[in-house]
Amino acid sequence: MGLSTLREQCFDLPAGHLTIQPGTREVAETDSKTVQDLTSVVQTLLQQMQGKRQTESNQIIGSTEDMSSCIDDPEKNIADLVIQARVEELGGEDKTPAAQKS
């Protein structure tokens, strides 16, 4: 994409609009307006990128928390099975220490 095409798309200006003619006040005002427009476009793009980055970061954190909670249930089930196996090894009597009971 050429500079003139980019200029036309971003600023809705015809290609010849930014022709520099030294010594005229109109050029300085046009250049100042163009700089302001470009600054505005860049600021908007940076804000959009920051918003997308924040959204993706939140999604990653949410996914990590979801995975963590998915792991918690199997861990608890395994702990319960270990306690149950110990009880069965002891002949069915509940001889497990009180600290291991849940």
C-alpha atoms as a PDB file:
ATOM      1  CA  MET A   1       0.000   0.000   0.000  1.00  0.00           C
ATOM      2  CA  GLY A   2       1.468   3.334  -1.035  1.00  0.00           C
ATOM      3  CA  LEU A   3       1.713   6.396   1.182  1.00  0.00           C
ATOM      4  CA  SER A   4      -0.881   8.273  -0.853  1.00  0.00           C
ATOM      5  CA  THR A   5      -3.336   5.369  -0.531  1.00  0.00           C
ATOM      6  CA  LEU A   6      -2.712   5.172   3.218  1.00  0.00           C
ATOM      7  CA  ARG A   7      -3.154   8.925   3.514  1.00  0.00           C
ATOM      8  CA  GLU A   8      -6.445   8.777   1.615  1.00  0.00           C
ATOM      9  CA  GLN A   9      -7.779   5.902   3.729  1.00  0.00           C
ATOM     10  CA  CYS A  10      -6.711   7.257   7.123  1.00  0.00           C
ATOM     11  CA  PHE A  11      -7.439  10.907   6.636  1.00  0.00           C
ATOM     12  CA  ASP A  12      -9.968  10.879   3.825  1.00  0.00           C
ATOM     13  CA  LEU A  13      -7.770  13.337   1.906  1.00  0.00           C
ATOM     14  CA  PRO A  14      -6.980  13.400  -1.787  1.00  0.00           C
ATOM     15  CA  ALA A  15      -3.383  12.534  -2.653  1.00  0.00           C
ATOM     16  CA  GLY A  16      -2.449  16.057  -3.761  1.00  0.00           C
ATOM     17  CA  HIS A  17      -3.824  17.700  -0.618  1.00  0.00           C
ATOM     18  CA  LEU A  18      -0.572  17.440   1.303  1.00  0.00           C
ATOM     19  CA  THR A  19       1.706  18.906  -1.333  1.00  0.00           C
ATOM     20  CA  ILE A  20       4.274  21.067   0.438  1.00  0.00           C
ATOM     21  CA  GLN A  21       4.615  24.606  -0.847  1.00  0.00           C
ATOM     22  CA  PRO A  22       7.151  26.382   1.388  1.00  0.00           C
ATOM     23  CA  GLY A  23       6.335  29.847   2.583  1.00  0.00           C
ATOM     24  CA  THR A  24       2.556  29.542   2.749  1.00  0.00           C
ATOM     25  CA  ARG A  25       0.574  29.612   5.937  1.00  0.00           C
ATOM     26  CA  GLU A  26      -1.946  27.147   4.515  1.00  0.00           C
ATOM     27  CA  VAL A  27       0.726  24.437   4.310  1.00  0.00           C
ATOM     28  CA  ALA A  28       1.660  24.922   7.959  1.00  0.00           C
ATOM     29  CA  GLU A  29      -1.990  24.649   8.999  1.00  0.00           C
ATOM     30  CA  THR A  30      -2.484  21.589   6.787  1.00  0.00           C
ATOM     31  CA  ASP A  31       0.659  19.969   8.175  1.00  0.00           C
ATOM     32  CA  SER A  32      -0.431  20.771  11.734  1.00  0.00           C
ATOM     33  CA  LYS A  33      -3.876  19.293  11.077  1.00  0.00           C
ATOM     34  CA  THR A  34      -2.290  16.227   9.503  1.00  0.00           C
ATOM     35  CA  VAL A  35      -0.013  15.745  12.510  1.00  0.00           C
ATOM     36  CA  GLN A  36      -2.999  16.076  14.834  1.00  0.00           C
ATOM     37  CA  ASP A  37      -4.987  13.593  12.756  1.00  0.00           C
ATOM     38  CA  LEU A  38      -2.102  11.141  12.681  1.00  0.00           C
ATOM     39  CA  THR A  39      -1.570  11.513  16.420  1.00  0.00           C
ATOM     40  CA  SER A  40      -5.246  10.824  16.997  1.00  0.00           C
ATOM     41  CA  VAL A  41      -5.160   7.722  14.791  1.00  0.00           C
ATOM     42  CA  VAL A  42      -2.064   6.378  16.566  1.00  0.00           C
ATOM     43  CA  GLN A  43      -3.570   7.037  20.002  1.00  0.00           C
ATOM     44  CA  THR A  44      -6.765   5.253  19.010  1.00  0.00           C
ATOM     45  CA  LEU A  45      -4.820   2.263  17.694  1.00  0.00           C
ATOM     46  CA  LEU A  46      -2.742   2.082  20.888  1.00  0.00           C
ATOM     47  CA  GLN A  47      -5.889   2.216  23.018  1.00  0.00           C
ATOM     48  CA  GLN A  48      -7.479  -0.558  20.955  1.00  0.00           C
ATOM     49  CA  MET A  49      -4.342  -2.682  21.255  1.00  0.00           C
ATOM     50  CA  GLN A  50      -4.240  -2.119  25.031  1.00  0.00           C
ATOM     51  CA  GLY A  51      -7.904  -3.094  25.298  1.00  0.00           C
ATOM     52  CA  LYS A  52      -7.347  -6.279  23.301  1.00  0.00           C
ATOM     53  CA  ARG A  53      -4.248  -7.105  25.365  1.00  0.00           C
ATOM     54  CA  GLN A  54      -6.218  -6.632  28.592  1.00  0.00           C
ATOM     55  CA  THR A  55      -9.060  -8.818  27.293  1.00  0.00           C
ATOM     56  CA  GLU A  56      -6.636 -11.584  26.310  1.00  0.00           C
ATOM     57  CA  SER A  57      -4.883 -11.323  29.665  1.00  0.00           C
ATOM     58  CA  ASN A  58      -8.204 -11.662  31.487  1.00  0.00           C
ATOM     59  CA  GLN A  59      -9.097 -14.682  29.335  1.00  0.00           C
ATOM     60  CA  ILE A  60      -5.777 -16.359  30.138  1.00  0.00           C
ATOM     61  CA  ILE A  61      -6.226 -15.727  33.867  1.00  0.00           C
ATOM     62  CA  GLY A  62      -9.790 -17.055  33.693  1.00  0.00           C
ATOM     63  CA  SER A  63      -8.663 -20.188  31.857  1.00  0.00           C
ATOM     64  CA  THR A  64      -5.909 -20.769  34.405  1.00  0.00           C
ATOM     65  CA  GLU A  65      -8.395 -20.442  37.270  1.00  0.00           C
ATOM     66  CA  ASP A  66     -10.791 -22.830  35.508  1.00  0.00           C
ATOM     67  CA  MET A  67      -8.019 -25.423  35.079  1.00  0.00           C
ATOM     68  CA  SER A  68      -7.049 -25.020  38.719  1.00  0.00           C
ATOM     69  CA  SER A  69     -10.614 -25.665  39.882  1.00  0.00           C
ATOM     70  CA  CYS A  70     -10.840 -28.673  37.550  1.00  0.00           C
ATOM     71  CA  ILE A  71      -7.770 -30.133  39.260  1.00  0.00           C
ATOM     72  CA  ASP A  72      -9.109 -29.491  42.781  1.00  0.00           C
ATOM     73  CA  ASP A  73     -11.991 -31.979  42.475  1.00  0.00           C
ATOM     74  CA  PRO A  74      -9.862 -34.945  41.324  1.00  0.00           C
ATOM     75  CA  GLU A  75      -7.296 -34.179  44.050  1.00  0.00           C
ATOM     76  CA  LYS A  76     -10.022 -34.307  46.685  1.00  0.00           C
ATOM     77  CA  ASN A  77     -11.425 -37.533  45.204  1.00  0.00           C
ATOM     78  CA  ILE A  78      -7.954 -39.123  45.241  1.00  0.00           C
ATOM     79  CA  ALA A  79      -7.451 -38.092  48.862  1.00  0.00           C
ATOM     80  CA  ASP A  80     -10.841 -39.603  49.754  1.00  0.00           C
ATOM     81  CA  LEU A  81      -9.955 -42.846  47.926  1.00  0.00           C
ATOM     82  CA  VAL A  82      -6.621 -43.076  49.755  1.00  0.00           C
ATOM     83  CA  ILE A  83      -8.397 -42.681  53.103  1.00  0.00           C
ATOM     84  CA  GLN A  84     -11.014 -45.264  52.086  1.00  0.00           C
ATOM     85  CA  ALA A  85      -8.288 -47.706  51.033  1.00  0.00           C
ATOM     86  CA  ARG A  86      -6.542 -47.306  54.389  1.00  0.00           C
ATOM     87  CA  VAL A  87      -9.799 -47.978  56.195  1.00  0.00           C
ATOM     88  CA  GLU A  88     -10.364 -51.137  54.154  1.00  0.00           C
ATOM     89  CA  GLU A  89      -6.785 -52.291  54.855  1.00  0.00           C
ATOM     90  CA  LEU A  90      -7.462 -51.990  58.565  1.00  0.00           C
ATOM     91  CA  GLY A  91     -10.302 -54.454  58.280  1.00  0.00           C
ATOM     92  CA  GLY A  92     -13.178 -52.119  57.741  1.00  0.00           C
ATOM     93  CA  GLU A  93     -12.811 -50.447  61.101  1.00  0.00           C
ATOM     94  CA  ASP A  94     -12.293 -46.699  61.081  1.00  0.00           C
ATOM     95  CA  LYS A  95      -8.861 -46.627  62.701  1.00  0.00           C
ATOM     96  CA  THR A  96      -7.582 -43.611  60.748  1.00  0.00           C
ATOM     97  CA  PRO A  97      -6.171 -40.775  62.837  1.00  0.00           C
ATOM     98  CA  ALA A  98      -8.619 -37.960  63.523  1.00  0.00           C
ATOM     99  CA  ALA A  99      -6.424 -35.508  61.581  1.00  0.00           C
ATOM    100  CA  GLN A 100      -7.047 -37.449  58.337  1.00  0.00           C
ATOM    101  CA  LYS A 101     -10.833 -37.522  58.654  1.00  0.00           C
ATOM    102  CA  SER A 102     -12.707 -34.957  56.581  1.00  0.00           C
END
